[in-house]
Amino acid sequence: MLEKGFREQDTVMGKFAAVTADYQMTERDYAVRIWANDASGPITLTLPPVEQAKGRVYCGVCREADVNAAVLVQDKDDSECWMGDFVMDGDCDSFMCYSDGLKWFCSVEQKFQGSPSASATVSASASPSHSVSPSASASVSPSSSASASISPSQ
């Protein structure tokens, strides 16, 4: 039985793109799995145009990656206030990006392997009627998980 509103010939969005070389994401590449290894070398992954991706969420997971075969995620230099290109260099490092048509909002999760000491960066933007406290906190526990929080100023 199909869900209400679906037809038998409708496209199913459960697929992912397997990336093993530099890759330009399209609007329909909602999920990517990235294999960066000695054979592939470093990989550059470029997000789709921010305007064409309006209202969509894109995610990716590194299934293989290390410092010699890292993954660089970049935009097409078309996002307002781009947080900057980011690097994923560990197995299971992942990202999720949402486009509002003008700006990419990205969250990056890195699995810290080895030393529990690591840094996390938190960025925020505010509309003129709201303010964001410049203080943000980040912590990393020995179990290799990271958390961060931002509290608005009163």
N, C-alpha and C. Protein backbone atom coordinates (compact mmCIF):
# COMPACT_ATOMS: atom_id res chain seq x y z
N MET A 1 0.84 -1.17 0.00
CA MET A 1 0.00 0.00 0.00
C MET A 1 0.89 1.24 0.00
N LEU A 2 0.66 2.14 -0.91
CA LEU A 2 1.42 3.38 -0.99
C LEU A 2 0.86 4.41 -0.02
N GLU A 3 1.75 5.30 0.43
CA GLU A 3 1.30 6.38 1.31
C GLU A 3 0.36 7.30 0.55
N LYS A 4 -0.53 7.95 1.27
CA LYS A 4 -1.48 8.86 0.67
C LYS A 4 -0.74 9.97 -0.09
N GLY A 5 -1.16 10.23 -1.30
CA GLY A 5 -0.54 11.28 -2.10
C GLY A 5 0.55 10.78 -3.04
N PHE A 6 0.94 9.52 -2.93
CA PHE A 6 1.98 8.98 -3.79
C PHE A 6 1.36 8.10 -4.87
N ARG A 7 2.00 8.09 -6.01
CA ARG A 7 1.60 7.21 -7.10
C ARG A 7 2.68 6.15 -7.26
N GLU A 8 2.33 5.07 -7.87
CA GLU A 8 3.27 3.96 -8.01
C GLU A 8 4.52 4.36 -8.79
N GLN A 9 4.40 5.27 -9.75
CA GLN A 9 5.54 5.65 -10.57
C GLN A 9 6.35 6.81 -9.99
N ASP A 10 5.98 7.33 -8.82
CA ASP A 10 6.73 8.42 -8.21
C ASP A 10 8.15 7.98 -7.86
N THR A 11 9.08 8.95 -7.90
CA THR A 11 10.47 8.69 -7.56
C THR A 11 10.62 8.58 -6.05
N VAL A 12 11.38 7.61 -5.62
CA VAL A 12 11.66 7.42 -4.19
C VAL A 12 12.97 8.12 -3.87
N MET A 13 12.96 8.96 -2.83
CA MET A 13 14.15 9.72 -2.46
C MET A 13 14.94 9.00 -1.37
N GLY A 14 15.20 7.74 -1.50
CA GLY A 14 15.95 7.02 -0.48
C GLY A 14 17.35 6.69 -0.93
N LYS A 15 17.77 7.22 -2.05
CA LYS A 15 19.07 6.88 -2.61
C LYS A 15 20.11 7.91 -2.21
N PHE A 16 21.37 7.53 -2.34
CA PHE A 16 22.45 8.47 -2.05
C PHE A 16 23.47 8.40 -3.17
N ALA A 17 24.27 9.46 -3.29
CA ALA A 17 25.35 9.49 -4.26
C ALA A 17 26.62 8.98 -3.59
N ALA A 18 27.28 8.04 -4.23
CA ALA A 18 28.56 7.51 -3.73
C ALA A 18 29.67 8.34 -4.36
N VAL A 19 30.42 9.06 -3.53
CA VAL A 19 31.44 10.00 -4.01
C VAL A 19 32.83 9.43 -3.76
N THR A 20 33.62 9.31 -4.83
CA THR A 20 34.99 8.81 -4.72
C THR A 20 35.99 9.74 -5.41
N ALA A 21 35.53 10.90 -5.89
CA ALA A 21 36.37 11.91 -6.53
C ALA A 21 35.69 13.26 -6.34
N ASP A 22 36.35 14.34 -6.77
CA ASP A 22 35.73 15.67 -6.67
C ASP A 22 34.31 15.59 -7.24
N TYR A 23 33.37 16.26 -6.56
CA TYR A 23 31.97 16.09 -6.93
C TYR A 23 31.19 17.39 -6.75
N GLN A 24 30.41 17.75 -7.77
CA GLN A 24 29.51 18.89 -7.73
C GLN A 24 28.12 18.34 -7.43
N MET A 25 27.59 18.65 -6.25
CA MET A 25 26.25 18.17 -5.90
C MET A 25 25.19 18.88 -6.74
N THR A 26 24.13 18.16 -7.06
CA THR A 26 22.99 18.74 -7.76
C THR A 26 21.87 18.97 -6.74
N GLU A 27 20.79 19.59 -7.18
CA GLU A 27 19.67 19.84 -6.26
C GLU A 27 19.06 18.54 -5.75
N ARG A 28 19.25 17.43 -6.45
CA ARG A 28 18.63 16.16 -6.07
C ARG A 28 19.57 15.25 -5.28
N ASP A 29 20.77 15.69 -5.00
CA ASP A 29 21.73 14.90 -4.21
C ASP A 29 21.53 15.18 -2.73
N TYR A 30 20.42 14.73 -2.17
CA TYR A 30 20.10 15.02 -0.78
C TYR A 30 21.04 14.34 0.20
N ALA A 31 21.58 13.20 -0.18
CA ALA A 31 22.48 12.44 0.71
C ALA A 31 23.67 11.94 -0.10
N VAL A 32 24.87 12.13 0.47
CA VAL A 32 26.08 11.62 -0.17
C VAL A 32 26.87 10.80 0.84
N ARG A 33 27.51 9.78 0.36
CA ARG A 33 28.45 8.97 1.15
C ARG A 33 29.79 9.12 0.46
N ILE A 34 30.80 9.52 1.22
CA ILE A 34 32.08 9.90 0.64
C ILE A 34 33.16 8.90 1.06
N TRP A 35 33.87 8.38 0.08
CA TRP A 35 34.98 7.46 0.33
C TRP A 35 36.26 8.13 -0.15
N ALA A 36 36.98 8.78 0.78
CA ALA A 36 38.26 9.41 0.48
C ALA A 36 39.34 8.52 1.08
N ASN A 37 40.21 7.99 0.24
CA ASN A 37 41.25 7.08 0.73
C ASN A 37 42.54 7.30 -0.06
N ASP A 38 43.52 6.43 0.12
CA ASP A 38 44.79 6.59 -0.58
C ASP A 38 44.62 6.56 -2.10
N ALA A 39 43.67 5.78 -2.59
CA ALA A 39 43.45 5.69 -4.03
C ALA A 39 42.83 6.97 -4.58
N SER A 40 41.88 7.55 -3.84
CA SER A 40 41.19 8.75 -4.34
C SER A 40 41.97 10.02 -4.05
N GLY A 41 42.69 10.04 -2.94
CA GLY A 41 43.33 11.27 -2.49
C GLY A 41 42.28 12.21 -1.93
N PRO A 42 42.66 13.46 -1.66
CA PRO A 42 41.69 14.43 -1.13
C PRO A 42 40.54 14.65 -2.11
N ILE A 43 39.36 14.93 -1.58
CA ILE A 43 38.16 15.13 -2.40
C ILE A 43 37.56 16.50 -2.06
N THR A 44 37.12 17.21 -3.09
CA THR A 44 36.38 18.46 -2.91
C THR A 44 34.92 18.21 -3.26
N LEU A 45 34.04 18.51 -2.33
CA LEU A 45 32.60 18.36 -2.52
C LEU A 45 32.00 19.75 -2.55
N THR A 46 31.30 20.10 -3.64
CA THR A 46 30.71 21.43 -3.78
C THR A 46 29.20 21.33 -3.66
N LEU A 47 28.64 22.13 -2.75
CA LEU A 47 27.20 22.16 -2.55
C LEU A 47 26.50 22.70 -3.79
N PRO A 48 25.23 22.36 -3.99
CA PRO A 48 24.50 22.92 -5.13
C PRO A 48 24.32 24.44 -4.98
N PRO A 49 23.93 25.13 -6.04
CA PRO A 49 23.69 26.56 -5.93
C PRO A 49 22.66 26.85 -4.83
N VAL A 50 22.97 27.79 -3.95
CA VAL A 50 22.14 28.06 -2.78
C VAL A 50 20.72 28.45 -3.17
N GLU A 51 20.55 29.20 -4.25
CA GLU A 51 19.21 29.63 -4.66
C GLU A 51 18.37 28.45 -5.16
N GLN A 52 18.99 27.56 -5.92
CA GLN A 52 18.26 26.40 -6.45
C GLN A 52 17.92 25.39 -5.36
N ALA A 53 18.66 25.42 -4.25
CA ALA A 53 18.45 24.46 -3.17
C ALA A 53 17.51 24.98 -2.09
N LYS A 54 16.83 26.08 -2.35
CA LYS A 54 15.97 26.73 -1.35
C LYS A 54 14.98 25.74 -0.72
N GLY A 55 14.98 25.71 0.62
CA GLY A 55 14.06 24.87 1.36
C GLY A 55 14.48 23.42 1.49
N ARG A 56 15.68 23.08 1.07
CA ARG A 56 16.12 21.69 1.09
C ARG A 56 17.27 21.48 2.07
N VAL A 57 17.37 20.25 2.53
CA VAL A 57 18.44 19.84 3.45
C VAL A 57 19.30 18.83 2.74
N TYR A 58 20.60 18.98 2.85
CA TYR A 58 21.57 18.06 2.25
C TYR A 58 22.49 17.54 3.35
N CYS A 59 22.85 16.28 3.24
CA CYS A 59 23.73 15.71 4.26
C CYS A 59 24.76 14.79 3.61
N GLY A 60 25.84 14.58 4.33
CA GLY A 60 26.90 13.70 3.84
C GLY A 60 27.65 13.08 4.99
N VAL A 61 28.17 11.89 4.73
CA VAL A 61 28.95 11.15 5.73
C VAL A 61 30.22 10.63 5.06
N CYS A 62 31.34 10.80 5.73
CA CYS A 62 32.60 10.22 5.25
C CYS A 62 32.65 8.76 5.70
N ARG A 63 32.65 7.86 4.78
CA ARG A 63 32.78 6.45 5.12
C ARG A 63 34.26 6.07 5.23
N GLU A 64 35.09 6.81 4.54
CA GLU A 64 36.55 6.68 4.69
C GLU A 64 37.12 8.09 4.54
N ALA A 65 38.03 8.45 5.41
CA ALA A 65 38.73 9.73 5.30
C ALA A 65 39.83 9.74 6.35
N ASP A 66 40.90 10.46 6.08
CA ASP A 66 41.96 10.67 7.05
C ASP A 66 42.70 11.94 6.68
N VAL A 67 43.75 12.28 7.40
CA VAL A 67 44.44 13.54 7.16
C VAL A 67 45.09 13.58 5.78
N ASN A 68 45.42 12.44 5.20
CA ASN A 68 46.02 12.40 3.87
C ASN A 68 44.96 12.36 2.77
N ALA A 69 43.76 11.98 3.10
CA ALA A 69 42.66 11.91 2.14
C ALA A 69 41.44 12.57 2.78
N ALA A 70 41.52 13.87 2.96
CA ALA A 70 40.45 14.63 3.61
C ALA A 70 39.41 15.07 2.59
N VAL A 71 38.27 15.49 3.10
CA VAL A 71 37.18 15.97 2.25
C VAL A 71 36.95 17.45 2.55
N LEU A 72 37.02 18.28 1.53
CA LEU A 72 36.76 19.71 1.65
C LEU A 72 35.35 19.96 1.13
N VAL A 73 34.49 20.56 1.95
CA VAL A 73 33.13 20.90 1.54
C VAL A 73 33.09 22.41 1.34
N GLN A 74 32.61 22.83 0.17
CA GLN A 74 32.58 24.26 -0.16
C GLN A 74 31.25 24.62 -0.81
N ASP A 75 30.95 25.93 -0.81
CA ASP A 75 29.79 26.40 -1.55
C ASP A 75 30.28 26.91 -2.91
N LYS A 76 29.39 27.46 -3.70
CA LYS A 76 29.77 27.99 -5.01
C LYS A 76 30.04 29.49 -4.93
N ASP A 77 30.46 29.95 -3.76
CA ASP A 77 30.70 31.38 -3.51
C ASP A 77 29.43 32.19 -3.78
N ASP A 78 28.27 31.58 -3.45
CA ASP A 78 27.00 32.28 -3.69
C ASP A 78 26.15 32.41 -2.43
N SER A 79 26.69 32.02 -1.29
CA SER A 79 25.94 32.08 -0.04
C SER A 79 26.27 33.35 0.72
N GLU A 80 25.22 33.98 1.27
CA GLU A 80 25.46 35.10 2.18
C GLU A 80 26.15 34.57 3.43
N CYS A 81 27.08 35.30 3.95
CA CYS A 81 27.70 35.00 5.24
C CYS A 81 28.17 33.54 5.34
N TRP A 82 28.78 33.02 4.31
CA TRP A 82 29.26 31.63 4.30
C TRP A 82 30.20 31.41 5.48
N MET A 83 29.99 30.35 6.21
CA MET A 83 30.78 30.05 7.40
C MET A 83 32.22 29.70 7.07
N GLY A 84 32.50 29.45 5.81
CA GLY A 84 33.83 29.06 5.37
C GLY A 84 33.85 27.59 5.00
N ASP A 85 34.69 27.26 4.04
CA ASP A 85 34.82 25.86 3.64
C ASP A 85 35.25 25.06 4.86
N PHE A 86 34.78 23.82 4.97
CA PHE A 86 35.16 23.00 6.11
C PHE A 86 35.71 21.67 5.66
N VAL A 87 36.55 21.09 6.51
CA VAL A 87 37.26 19.85 6.19
C VAL A 87 36.77 18.74 7.10
N MET A 88 36.54 17.59 6.51
CA MET A 88 36.22 16.39 7.26
C MET A 88 37.36 15.40 6.99
N ASP A 89 37.97 14.90 8.07
CA ASP A 89 39.13 14.04 7.88
C ASP A 89 39.09 12.79 8.77
N GLY A 90 37.91 12.32 9.07
CA GLY A 90 37.77 11.12 9.89
C GLY A 90 36.59 10.28 9.45
N ASP A 91 36.69 8.98 9.64
CA ASP A 91 35.56 8.10 9.34
C ASP A 91 34.35 8.56 10.15
N CYS A 92 33.22 8.60 9.52
CA CYS A 92 31.94 8.99 10.12
C CYS A 92 31.81 10.49 10.41
N ASP A 93 32.77 11.32 10.00
CA ASP A 93 32.55 12.76 10.05
C ASP A 93 31.36 13.05 9.13
N SER A 94 30.53 14.01 9.51
CA SER A 94 29.33 14.25 8.71
C SER A 94 28.94 15.73 8.72
N PHE A 95 28.06 16.08 7.80
CA PHE A 95 27.54 17.44 7.74
C PHE A 95 26.07 17.42 7.35
N MET A 96 25.40 18.50 7.69
CA MET A 96 24.02 18.71 7.25
C MET A 96 23.90 20.21 6.94
N CYS A 97 23.42 20.53 5.74
CA CYS A 97 23.28 21.92 5.34
C CYS A 97 21.86 22.18 4.84
N TYR A 98 21.31 23.32 5.24
CA TYR A 98 19.99 23.77 4.82
C TYR A 98 20.14 25.09 4.08
N SER A 99 19.40 25.24 2.97
CA SER A 99 19.42 26.49 2.22
C SER A 99 18.09 27.21 2.36
N ASP A 100 18.16 28.51 2.64
CA ASP A 100 16.94 29.32 2.63
C ASP A 100 16.82 30.09 1.32
N GLY A 101 17.68 29.76 0.37
CA GLY A 101 17.68 30.43 -0.92
C GLY A 101 18.71 31.54 -1.02
N LEU A 102 19.20 31.99 0.13
CA LEU A 102 20.21 33.05 0.16
C LEU A 102 21.47 32.62 0.91
N LYS A 103 21.30 31.78 1.92
CA LYS A 103 22.41 31.41 2.80
C LYS A 103 22.36 29.92 3.11
N TRP A 104 23.54 29.31 3.21
CA TRP A 104 23.66 27.94 3.69
C TRP A 104 23.81 27.98 5.21
N PHE A 105 23.03 27.16 5.90
CA PHE A 105 23.14 26.96 7.34
C PHE A 105 23.66 25.54 7.52
N CYS A 106 24.89 25.40 8.01
CA CYS A 106 25.52 24.08 8.07
C CYS A 106 25.88 23.68 9.50
N SER A 107 25.76 22.41 9.75
CA SER A 107 26.18 21.81 11.01
C SER A 107 27.15 20.69 10.65
N VAL A 108 28.28 20.66 11.33
CA VAL A 108 29.31 19.66 11.04
C VAL A 108 29.55 18.84 12.30
N GLU A 109 29.56 17.54 12.16
CA GLU A 109 29.84 16.65 13.29
C GLU A 109 31.10 15.88 12.97
N GLN A 110 32.07 15.97 13.87
CA GLN A 110 33.32 15.25 13.67
C GLN A 110 33.52 14.27 14.80
N LYS A 111 33.81 13.05 14.42
CA LYS A 111 34.09 12.00 15.40
C LYS A 111 35.57 12.12 15.75
N PHE A 112 35.86 12.53 16.97
CA PHE A 112 37.24 12.74 17.39
C PHE A 112 37.85 11.40 17.75
N GLN A 113 38.83 11.00 16.99
CA GLN A 113 39.49 9.72 17.25
C GLN A 113 40.84 10.01 17.90
N GLY A 114 41.13 9.30 18.94
CA GLY A 114 42.39 9.54 19.64
C GLY A 114 42.18 10.45 20.82
N SER A 115 42.89 11.54 20.85
CA SER A 115 42.86 12.46 21.98
C SER A 115 41.48 13.07 22.17
N PRO A 116 40.97 13.11 23.40
CA PRO A 116 39.67 13.72 23.64
C PRO A 116 39.70 15.24 23.56
N SER A 117 40.88 15.84 23.48
CA SER A 117 40.93 17.30 23.40
C SER A 117 40.72 17.73 21.96
N ALA A 118 39.72 18.55 21.75
CA ALA A 118 39.41 19.05 20.41
C ALA A 118 38.66 20.36 20.58
N SER A 119 38.56 21.11 19.52
CA SER A 119 37.83 22.37 19.61
C SER A 119 36.60 22.32 18.74
N ALA A 120 35.58 23.02 19.14
CA ALA A 120 34.35 23.13 18.36
C ALA A 120 34.08 24.61 18.14
N THR A 121 33.63 24.96 16.98
CA THR A 121 33.33 26.35 16.66
C THR A 121 31.83 26.51 16.52
N VAL A 122 31.28 27.53 17.13
CA VAL A 122 29.86 27.81 17.06
C VAL A 122 29.72 29.20 16.48
N SER A 123 28.90 29.32 15.43
CA SER A 123 28.66 30.65 14.86
C SER A 123 27.16 30.90 14.84
N ALA A 124 26.79 32.17 14.95
CA ALA A 124 25.37 32.51 14.94
C ALA A 124 25.20 33.87 14.30
N SER A 125 24.05 34.05 13.69
CA SER A 125 23.71 35.37 13.16
C SER A 125 22.39 35.78 13.77
N ALA A 126 22.16 37.07 13.86
CA ALA A 126 20.93 37.56 14.50
C ALA A 126 20.30 38.63 13.63
N SER A 127 18.99 38.71 13.67
CA SER A 127 18.29 39.78 12.98
C SER A 127 18.40 41.04 13.84
N PRO A 128 18.14 42.21 13.26
CA PRO A 128 18.29 43.45 14.03
C PRO A 128 17.45 43.49 15.30
N SER A 129 16.33 42.77 15.36
CA SER A 129 15.48 42.84 16.54
C SER A 129 15.89 41.83 17.62
N HIS A 130 16.87 41.03 17.37
CA HIS A 130 17.32 40.04 18.34
C HIS A 130 18.82 40.16 18.52
N SER A 131 19.29 39.76 19.67
CA SER A 131 20.73 39.76 19.88
C SER A 131 21.17 38.38 20.32
N VAL A 132 22.41 38.08 20.01
CA VAL A 132 22.98 36.79 20.39
C VAL A 132 24.18 37.06 21.28
N SER A 133 24.23 36.39 22.38
CA SER A 133 25.35 36.56 23.29
C SER A 133 26.64 36.14 22.61
N PRO A 134 27.70 36.92 22.74
CA PRO A 134 28.95 36.53 22.10
C PRO A 134 29.59 35.31 22.75
N SER A 135 29.05 34.89 23.88
CA SER A 135 29.64 33.74 24.54
C SER A 135 28.97 32.46 24.08
N ALA A 136 29.77 31.51 23.72
CA ALA A 136 29.29 30.19 23.35
C ALA A 136 30.18 29.19 24.05
N SER A 137 29.62 28.06 24.41
CA SER A 137 30.44 27.08 25.09
C SER A 137 30.48 25.79 24.29
N ALA A 138 31.59 25.11 24.37
CA ALA A 138 31.74 23.83 23.70
C ALA A 138 32.49 22.90 24.63
N SER A 139 32.13 21.66 24.63
CA SER A 139 32.83 20.70 25.46
C SER A 139 32.98 19.38 24.74
N VAL A 140 34.06 18.68 25.04
CA VAL A 140 34.31 17.38 24.45
C VAL A 140 34.60 16.42 25.58
N SER A 141 33.89 15.32 25.60
CA SER A 141 34.11 14.33 26.64
C SER A 141 35.05 13.24 26.15
N PRO A 142 35.63 12.47 27.04
CA PRO A 142 36.53 11.39 26.61
C PRO A 142 35.86 10.36 25.71
N SER A 143 34.54 10.31 25.69
CA SER A 143 33.86 9.35 24.83
C SER A 143 33.80 9.84 23.38
N SER A 144 34.46 10.94 23.10
CA SER A 144 34.59 11.49 21.76
C SER A 144 33.32 12.10 21.20
N SER A 145 32.45 12.60 22.04
CA SER A 145 31.28 13.31 21.52
C SER A 145 31.42 14.78 21.86
N ALA A 146 30.86 15.62 21.02
CA ALA A 146 30.99 17.06 21.23
C ALA A 146 29.61 17.67 21.35
N SER A 147 29.52 18.74 22.15
CA SER A 147 28.27 19.47 22.25
C SER A 147 28.58 20.95 22.34
N ALA A 148 27.62 21.76 21.91
CA ALA A 148 27.82 23.21 21.97
C ALA A 148 26.47 23.86 22.21
N SER A 149 26.52 25.04 22.83
CA SER A 149 25.26 25.75 23.06
C SER A 149 25.49 27.24 22.96
N ILE A 150 24.44 27.95 22.57
CA ILE A 150 24.47 29.41 22.50
C ILE A 150 23.29 29.90 23.31
N SER A 151 23.53 30.85 24.20
CA SER A 151 22.44 31.39 24.99
C SER A 151 22.22 32.85 24.62
N PRO A 152 20.95 33.24 24.33
CA PRO A 152 20.70 34.63 23.96
C PRO A 152 20.88 35.55 25.16
N SER A 153 21.33 36.76 24.89
CA SER A 153 21.50 37.74 25.97
C SER A 153 20.14 38.33 26.32
N GLN A 154 20.01 38.76 27.55
CA GLN A 154 18.73 39.30 28.03
C GLN A 154 18.75 40.81 27.92
